[in-house]
Amino acid sequence: MSRDFVWGSNSEKRKPYLVGWEKLCLPKEYGGLGLRRIESTNTALMMKWCCADMILKDVALRDLREEEMNLKGRDFICEDKVTWKYSGDGEFSVKITFEALNIMDEVGCSDANWKKIWNQRGPQRVKTFLWLLMKGKLLPNTQRVRRRLTDDDKCSRCRMEAEAIIHMI
């Protein structure tokens, strides 16, 4: 998924990016759209590959040592186990690692508010509007003038005053 597709830009016309790509890639419950970042997916898969290699190598070495030592009555030996702190059962998961990589920098996000938006019935464009509103990323004419997207900061409906977010709503 690319930024241009999300915001409706193409090679002839570039539209403003209202929300940064990092925020778009956060899970919905943390205020994002749940898009996947290729870097996070790659890192999670590489970690899975490294962990699997490390665990398999460890198993082979442990079996070799036990055969060499000819240990009997191993009941008293407690084996070490690698656990993954981001999952409840300690098992590595690409999905959990991907989510952890995407939300590590986000602190203090309340998932209750985001769930209210995404679980509502209604058109997706209304949900997206509410999401942009809660992110503080709507572009009223006052901000569009600052970004040089328009010359007029007046409300296009009433033409009486400058269009700010409160006036838009």
C-alpha atoms as a PDB file:
ATOM      1  CA  MET A   1       0.000   0.000   0.000  1.00  0.00           C
ATOM      2  CA  SER A   2       1.483   3.360  -0.911  1.00  0.00           C
ATOM      3  CA  ARG A   3       0.908   6.854   0.412  1.00  0.00           C
ATOM      4  CA  ASP A   4      -0.244   8.049  -2.999  1.00  0.00           C
ATOM      5  CA  PHE A   5      -2.976   5.413  -3.132  1.00  0.00           C
ATOM      6  CA  VAL A   6      -4.186   6.191   0.412  1.00  0.00           C
ATOM      7  CA  TRP A   7      -4.436   9.929  -0.220  1.00  0.00           C
ATOM      8  CA  GLY A   8      -5.611   9.682  -3.841  1.00  0.00           C
ATOM      9  CA  SER A   9      -2.504  11.183  -5.469  1.00  0.00           C
ATOM     10  CA  ASN A  10      -1.285  10.202  -8.911  1.00  0.00           C
ATOM     11  CA  SER A  11       1.559  11.151 -11.254  1.00  0.00           C
ATOM     12  CA  GLU A  12      -0.280  14.266 -12.480  1.00  0.00           C
ATOM     13  CA  LYS A  13      -1.661  15.593  -9.200  1.00  0.00           C
ATOM     14  CA  ARG A  14      -0.204  15.252  -5.721  1.00  0.00           C
ATOM     15  CA  LYS A  15      -2.628  15.584  -2.827  1.00  0.00           C
ATOM     16  CA  PRO A  16      -1.437  16.537   0.672  1.00  0.00           C
ATOM     17  CA  TYR A  17      -0.597  13.726   3.075  1.00  0.00           C
ATOM     18  CA  LEU A  18      -2.767  14.489   6.088  1.00  0.00           C
ATOM     19  CA  VAL A  19      -1.307  11.838   8.408  1.00  0.00           C
ATOM     20  CA  GLY A  20       2.222  10.425   8.449  1.00  0.00           C
ATOM     21  CA  TRP A  21       2.870   6.917   7.130  1.00  0.00           C
ATOM     22  CA  GLU A  22       4.001   5.704  10.577  1.00  0.00           C
ATOM     23  CA  LYS A  23       0.630   6.682  12.053  1.00  0.00           C
ATOM     24  CA  LEU A  24      -1.272   5.018   9.197  1.00  0.00           C
ATOM     25  CA  CYS A  25       0.567   1.760   9.867  1.00  0.00           C
ATOM     26  CA  LEU A  26      -0.435   1.580  13.536  1.00  0.00           C
ATOM     27  CA  PRO A  27      -3.161  -0.940  14.410  1.00  0.00           C
ATOM     28  CA  LYS A  28      -6.661   0.561  14.442  1.00  0.00           C
ATOM     29  CA  GLU A  29      -6.922   0.182  18.215  1.00  0.00           C
ATOM     30  CA  TYR A  30      -3.919   2.525  18.537  1.00  0.00           C
ATOM     31  CA  GLY A  31      -5.302   5.163  16.190  1.00  0.00           C
ATOM     32  CA  GLY A  32      -3.919   3.955  12.863  1.00  0.00           C
ATOM     33  CA  LEU A  33      -5.445   2.305   9.832  1.00  0.00           C
ATOM     34  CA  GLY A  34      -3.712  -1.034  10.330  1.00  0.00           C
ATOM     35  CA  LEU A  35      -1.645  -0.843   7.128  1.00  0.00           C
ATOM     36  CA  ARG A  36       1.495  -2.990   7.046  1.00  0.00           C
ATOM     37  CA  ARG A  37       4.939  -1.432   6.893  1.00  0.00           C
ATOM     38  CA  ILE A  38       7.253  -3.550   4.782  1.00  0.00           C
ATOM     39  CA  GLU A  39      10.192  -2.793   7.114  1.00  0.00           C
ATOM     40  CA  SER A  40       8.357  -4.119  10.177  1.00  0.00           C
ATOM     41  CA  THR A  41       7.162  -7.200   8.328  1.00  0.00           C
ATOM     42  CA  ASN A  42      10.690  -7.890   7.100  1.00  0.00           C
ATOM     43  CA  THR A  43      12.158  -7.418  10.604  1.00  0.00           C
ATOM     44  CA  ALA A  44       9.552  -9.709  12.162  1.00  0.00           C
ATOM     45  CA  LEU A  45      10.185 -12.431   9.576  1.00  0.00           C
ATOM     46  CA  MET A  46      13.970 -12.106   9.982  1.00  0.00           C
ATOM     47  CA  MET A  47      13.567 -12.438  13.753  1.00  0.00           C
ATOM     48  CA  LYS A  48      11.478 -15.569  13.245  1.00  0.00           C
ATOM     49  CA  TRP A  49      14.164 -17.016  10.999  1.00  0.00           C
ATOM     50  CA  CYS A  50      16.944 -16.173  13.489  1.00  0.00           C
ATOM     51  CA  CYS A  51      14.990 -17.547  16.467  1.00  0.00           C
ATOM     52  CA  ALA A  52      14.174 -20.777  14.642  1.00  0.00           C
ATOM     53  CA  ASP A  53      17.825 -21.200  13.651  1.00  0.00           C
ATOM     54  CA  MET A  54      18.988 -20.497  17.214  1.00  0.00           C
ATOM     55  CA  ILE A  55      16.489 -22.926  18.765  1.00  0.00           C
ATOM     56  CA  LEU A  56      17.225 -25.721  16.281  1.00  0.00           C
ATOM     57  CA  LYS A  57      20.985 -25.294  16.710  1.00  0.00           C
ATOM     58  CA  ASP A  58      20.565 -25.361  20.498  1.00  0.00           C
ATOM     59  CA  VAL A  59      18.505 -28.573  20.312  1.00  0.00           C
ATOM     60  CA  ALA A  60      21.129 -30.289  18.148  1.00  0.00           C
ATOM     61  CA  LEU A  61      23.980 -29.301  20.514  1.00  0.00           C
ATOM     62  CA  ARG A  62      22.020 -30.356  23.607  1.00  0.00           C
ATOM     63  CA  ASP A  63      21.246 -33.773  22.093  1.00  0.00           C
ATOM     64  CA  LEU A  64      24.895 -34.208  21.153  1.00  0.00           C
ATOM     65  CA  ARG A  65      26.124 -33.396  24.675  1.00  0.00           C
ATOM     66  CA  GLU A  66      23.660 -35.782  26.285  1.00  0.00           C
ATOM     67  CA  GLU A  67      24.737 -38.580  23.950  1.00  0.00           C
ATOM     68  CA  GLU A  68      28.414 -37.868  24.573  1.00  0.00           C
ATOM     69  CA  MET A  69      27.970 -37.747  28.339  1.00  0.00           C
ATOM     70  CA  ASN A  70      25.569 -40.674  28.372  1.00  0.00           C
ATOM     71  CA  LEU A  71      23.492 -39.009  31.097  1.00  0.00           C
ATOM     72  CA  LYS A  72      20.867 -41.122  32.782  1.00  0.00           C
ATOM     73  CA  GLY A  73      18.256 -39.940  35.237  1.00  0.00           C
ATOM     74  CA  ARG A  74      17.997 -36.447  33.800  1.00  0.00           C
ATOM     75  CA  ASP A  75      14.961 -35.619  35.934  1.00  0.00           C
ATOM     76  CA  PHE A  76      16.943 -33.165  38.023  1.00  0.00           C
ATOM     77  CA  ILE A  77      18.130 -31.144  35.008  1.00  0.00           C
ATOM     78  CA  CYS A  78      15.973 -28.125  34.293  1.00  0.00           C
ATOM     79  CA  GLU A  79      16.327 -27.022  30.692  1.00  0.00           C
ATOM     80  CA  ASP A  80      16.556 -23.346  29.763  1.00  0.00           C
ATOM     81  CA  LYS A  81      13.919 -22.057  27.428  1.00  0.00           C
ATOM     82  CA  VAL A  82      13.895 -18.985  25.231  1.00  0.00           C
ATOM     83  CA  THR A  83      10.666 -17.020  25.708  1.00  0.00           C
ATOM     84  CA  TRP A  84       9.259 -14.085  23.807  1.00  0.00           C
ATOM     85  CA  LYS A  85       8.232 -11.292  26.167  1.00  0.00           C
ATOM     86  CA  TYR A  86       5.642  -9.791  23.814  1.00  0.00           C
ATOM     87  CA  SER A  87       3.376 -12.851  23.750  1.00  0.00           C
ATOM     88  CA  GLY A  88       1.350 -14.327  26.582  1.00  0.00           C
ATOM     89  CA  ASP A  89       2.614 -17.885  26.134  1.00  0.00           C
ATOM     90  CA  GLY A  90       6.252 -16.951  25.462  1.00  0.00           C
ATOM     91  CA  GLU A  91       6.170 -18.330  21.918  1.00  0.00           C
ATOM     92  CA  PHE A  92       7.515 -16.224  19.062  1.00  0.00           C
ATOM     93  CA  SER A  93       4.919 -14.995  16.585  1.00  0.00           C
ATOM     94  CA  VAL A  94       5.459 -12.853  13.493  1.00  0.00           C
ATOM     95  CA  LYS A  95       2.054 -11.219  14.020  1.00  0.00           C
ATOM     96  CA  ILE A  96       2.775 -10.240  17.637  1.00  0.00           C
ATOM     97  CA  THR A  97       6.273  -9.032  16.749  1.00  0.00           C
ATOM     98  CA  PHE A  98       4.900  -6.966  13.868  1.00  0.00           C
ATOM     99  CA  GLU A  99       2.361  -5.350  16.210  1.00  0.00           C
ATOM    100  CA  ALA A 100       5.020  -4.724  18.875  1.00  0.00           C
ATOM    101  CA  LEU A 101       7.330  -3.068  16.336  1.00  0.00           C
ATOM    102  CA  ASN A 102       4.536  -0.790  15.162  1.00  0.00           C
ATOM    103  CA  ILE A 103       3.337   0.383  18.577  1.00  0.00           C
ATOM    104  CA  MET A 104       6.583   0.629  20.553  1.00  0.00           C
ATOM    105  CA  ASP A 105       6.823   4.389  19.977  1.00  0.00           C
ATOM    106  CA  GLU A 106       3.153   5.054  20.719  1.00  0.00           C
ATOM    107  CA  VAL A 107       2.520   5.835  24.367  1.00  0.00           C
ATOM    108  CA  GLY A 108      -0.777   6.757  25.974  1.00  0.00           C
ATOM    109  CA  CYS A 109      -3.106   5.818  23.114  1.00  0.00           C
ATOM    110  CA  SER A 110      -6.577   4.902  24.268  1.00  0.00           C
ATOM    111  CA  ASP A 111      -7.989   2.111  22.150  1.00  0.00           C
ATOM    112  CA  ALA A 112     -11.546   2.776  23.398  1.00  0.00           C
ATOM    113  CA  ASN A 113     -11.866   5.949  21.296  1.00  0.00           C
ATOM    114  CA  TRP A 114     -10.535   4.320  18.147  1.00  0.00           C
ATOM    115  CA  LYS A 115     -12.852   1.329  18.576  1.00  0.00           C
ATOM    116  CA  LYS A 116     -15.804   3.721  18.763  1.00  0.00           C
ATOM    117  CA  ILE A 117     -14.885   5.031  15.329  1.00  0.00           C
ATOM    118  CA  TRP A 118     -14.085   1.798  13.510  1.00  0.00           C
ATOM    119  CA  ASN A 119     -16.928  -0.270  15.044  1.00  0.00           C
ATOM    120  CA  GLN A 120     -19.643   2.223  14.052  1.00  0.00           C
ATOM    121  CA  ARG A 121     -22.055   1.411  11.270  1.00  0.00           C
ATOM    122  CA  GLY A 122     -21.884   3.808   8.395  1.00  0.00           C
ATOM    123  CA  PRO A 123     -19.891   4.751   5.338  1.00  0.00           C
ATOM    124  CA  GLN A 124     -16.125   4.340   5.444  1.00  0.00           C
ATOM    125  CA  ARG A 125     -15.651   7.979   4.425  1.00  0.00           C
ATOM    126  CA  VAL A 126     -17.505   9.117   7.566  1.00  0.00           C
ATOM    127  CA  LYS A 127     -15.281   6.880   9.713  1.00  0.00           C
ATOM    128  CA  THR A 128     -12.208   8.274   7.962  1.00  0.00           C
ATOM    129  CA  PHE A 129     -13.454  11.836   8.535  1.00  0.00           C
ATOM    130  CA  LEU A 130     -13.935  11.126  12.256  1.00  0.00           C
ATOM    131  CA  TRP A 131     -10.496   9.478  12.408  1.00  0.00           C
ATOM    132  CA  LEU A 132      -8.877  12.557  10.831  1.00  0.00           C
ATOM    133  CA  LEU A 133     -10.848  14.790  13.199  1.00  0.00           C
ATOM    134  CA  MET A 134      -9.643  12.890  16.288  1.00  0.00           C
ATOM    135  CA  LYS A 135      -6.067  12.975  14.970  1.00  0.00           C
ATOM    136  CA  GLY A 136      -6.385  16.732  14.479  1.00  0.00           C
ATOM    137  CA  LYS A 137      -5.471  16.300  10.810  1.00  0.00           C
ATOM    138  CA  LEU A 138      -8.421  17.842   8.978  1.00  0.00           C
ATOM    139  CA  LEU A 139      -7.351  20.596   6.609  1.00  0.00           C
ATOM    140  CA  PRO A 140      -9.566  23.642   7.030  1.00  0.00           C
ATOM    141  CA  ASN A 141      -8.861  26.570   4.708  1.00  0.00           C
ATOM    142  CA  THR A 142      -6.740  28.312   7.356  1.00  0.00           C
ATOM    143  CA  GLN A 143      -4.254  25.423   7.197  1.00  0.00           C
ATOM    144  CA  ARG A 144      -4.633  25.014   3.432  1.00  0.00           C
ATOM    145  CA  VAL A 145      -3.500  28.637   3.014  1.00  0.00           C
ATOM    146  CA  ARG A 146      -0.384  27.908   5.112  1.00  0.00           C
ATOM    147  CA  ARG A 147       0.405  24.919   2.887  1.00  0.00           C
ATOM    148  CA  ARG A 148      -0.197  27.052  -0.219  1.00  0.00           C
ATOM    149  CA  LEU A 149      -3.029  24.831  -1.406  1.00  0.00           C
ATOM    150  CA  THR A 150      -5.425  27.793  -1.674  1.00  0.00           C
ATOM    151  CA  ASP A 151      -5.315  31.577  -1.429  1.00  0.00           C
ATOM    152  CA  ASP A 152      -8.601  32.054   0.422  1.00  0.00           C
ATOM    153  CA  ASP A 153      -9.030  31.092   4.083  1.00  0.00           C
ATOM    154  CA  LYS A 154     -12.773  31.869   4.146  1.00  0.00           C
ATOM    155  CA  CYS A 155     -15.381  29.143   4.643  1.00  0.00           C
ATOM    156  CA  SER A 156     -16.599  27.936   1.246  1.00  0.00           C
ATOM    157  CA  ARG A 157     -20.182  27.602   2.535  1.00  0.00           C
ATOM    158  CA  CYS A 158     -20.863  30.826   4.447  1.00  0.00           C
ATOM    159  CA  ARG A 159     -17.991  33.036   3.163  1.00  0.00           C
ATOM    160  CA  MET A 160     -18.274  34.976   6.462  1.00  0.00           C
ATOM    161  CA  GLU A 161     -15.244  33.927   8.487  1.00  0.00           C
ATOM    162  CA  ALA A 162     -11.997  32.018   8.278  1.00  0.00           C
ATOM    163  CA  GLU A 163     -12.568  28.287   8.106  1.00  0.00           C
ATOM    164  CA  ALA A 164     -11.083  26.610  11.194  1.00  0.00           C
ATOM    165  CA  ILE A 165     -11.760  23.051  12.356  1.00  0.00           C
ATOM    166  CA  ILE A 166     -14.446  24.171  14.828  1.00  0.00           C
ATOM    167  CA  HIS A 167     -16.148  26.176  12.084  1.00  0.00           C
ATOM    168  CA  MET A 168     -16.059  23.160   9.731  1.00  0.00           C
ATOM    169  CA  ILE A 169     -17.896  20.991  12.229  1.00  0.00           C
END
